[in-house]
Every structure is written in C-alpha cells, then in structure tokens.
Amino acid sequence: MKKIIGIILIIIGIILPFFLLISGIIQLVNGISPFIASEVVLGICKIVFCKMGTIPLYFGYYLCLKVI
C-alpha cells in the first residue's frame, strides 16, 4: 500500500510543477492586458514557487525506497 501511495505521489510531483508554471504564465499574461495588479502578482508567485510542487515527488520517492 505504501508503494502505491509513493508512486501516486511521484506522479503528482512530476505533473504539479508543470501545471503551476503554465498556469502562472497564463495568469501573468491575462493580468497584463487590462493590468490587474493582483493577477500579475499571483502569476509571478506561481512562477517563482512552481518548484515547490516537487515536494510530493520527494515524499513519494522516500516511500518507495523505504518499502523496497
């Protein structure tokens, strides 16, 4: 069971940073057009912190190694 949860966390850790990066870029571009400052700031925050989406990857990797 731990191995299955570890594999799911690894998959989430691979997909989540790309999703945050792409959604941050889209939000930034959409906020620049009519210049909505909160949209621009949230887009920049998503782009800067997209690497934090890899945290589940490390937990999943640890769970998979712990079981094996």
Protein backbone atom coordinates (compact mmCIF):
# COMPACT_ATOMS: atom_id res chain seq x y z
CA MET A 1 0.00 0.00 0.00
CA LYS A 2 2.87 2.36 0.80
CA LYS A 3 4.41 1.64 -2.57
CA ILE A 4 1.17 2.58 -4.38
CA ILE A 5 0.91 5.83 -2.41
CA GLY A 6 4.57 6.52 -3.18
CA ILE A 7 4.03 6.02 -6.90
CA ILE A 8 0.97 8.31 -6.85
CA LEU A 9 2.98 10.99 -5.04
CA ILE A 10 5.78 10.66 -7.59
CA ILE A 11 3.32 11.18 -10.45
CA ILE A 12 1.80 14.21 -8.71
CA GLY A 13 5.28 15.59 -8.06
CA ILE A 14 6.11 15.35 -11.75
CA ILE A 15 2.86 16.90 -13.04
CA LEU A 16 2.23 19.65 -10.45
CA PRO A 17 5.25 21.91 -11.18
CA PHE A 18 4.46 21.99 -14.89
CA PHE A 19 0.83 22.82 -14.14
CA LEU A 20 1.83 25.65 -11.80
CA LEU A 21 4.33 27.05 -14.29
CA ILE A 22 1.91 27.03 -17.20
CA SER A 23 -0.99 28.43 -15.15
CA GLY A 24 1.30 31.13 -13.74
CA ILE A 25 2.36 32.23 -17.21
CA ILE A 26 -1.25 32.29 -18.42
CA GLN A 27 -2.36 34.27 -15.37
CA LEU A 28 0.50 36.74 -15.82
CA VAL A 29 -0.32 37.32 -19.49
CA ASN A 30 -4.04 37.73 -18.74
CA GLY A 31 -3.26 40.21 -15.96
CA ILE A 32 -1.01 42.38 -18.12
CA SER A 33 -3.64 43.11 -20.81
CA PRO A 34 -6.02 45.24 -18.69
CA PHE A 35 -3.31 45.45 -15.98
CA ILE A 36 -4.89 43.92 -12.93
CA ALA A 37 -2.14 44.09 -10.32
CA SER A 38 -3.39 41.18 -8.20
CA GLU A 39 -3.46 38.87 -11.24
CA VAL A 40 0.08 39.87 -12.19
CA VAL A 41 1.37 39.27 -8.66
CA LEU A 42 -0.36 35.89 -8.35
CA GLY A 43 1.05 34.85 -11.72
CA ILE A 44 4.56 35.81 -10.66
CA CYS A 45 4.15 33.94 -7.35
CA LYS A 46 3.03 30.80 -9.18
CA ILE A 47 6.03 31.00 -11.50
CA VAL A 48 8.51 31.60 -8.67
CA PHE A 49 7.17 28.89 -6.37
CA CYS A 50 6.39 26.25 -9.01
CA LYS A 51 9.43 24.28 -7.87
CA MET A 52 7.70 23.68 -4.52
CA GLY A 53 5.35 21.39 -6.43
CA THR A 54 8.10 18.78 -6.43
CA ILE A 55 7.77 18.22 -2.67
CA PRO A 56 5.34 15.27 -3.20
CA LEU A 57 7.96 13.78 -5.54
CA TYR A 58 10.48 13.59 -2.70
CA PHE A 59 7.96 12.09 -0.27
CA GLY A 60 6.90 9.50 -2.84
CA TYR A 61 10.50 8.64 -3.63
CA TYR A 62 11.19 8.19 0.08
CA LEU A 63 8.14 5.94 0.50
CA CYS A 64 9.14 3.79 -2.47
CA LEU A 65 12.71 3.40 -1.19
CA LYS A 66 11.52 2.68 2.36
CA VAL A 67 9.35 -0.22 1.16
CA ILE A 68 11.97 -1.78 -1.10
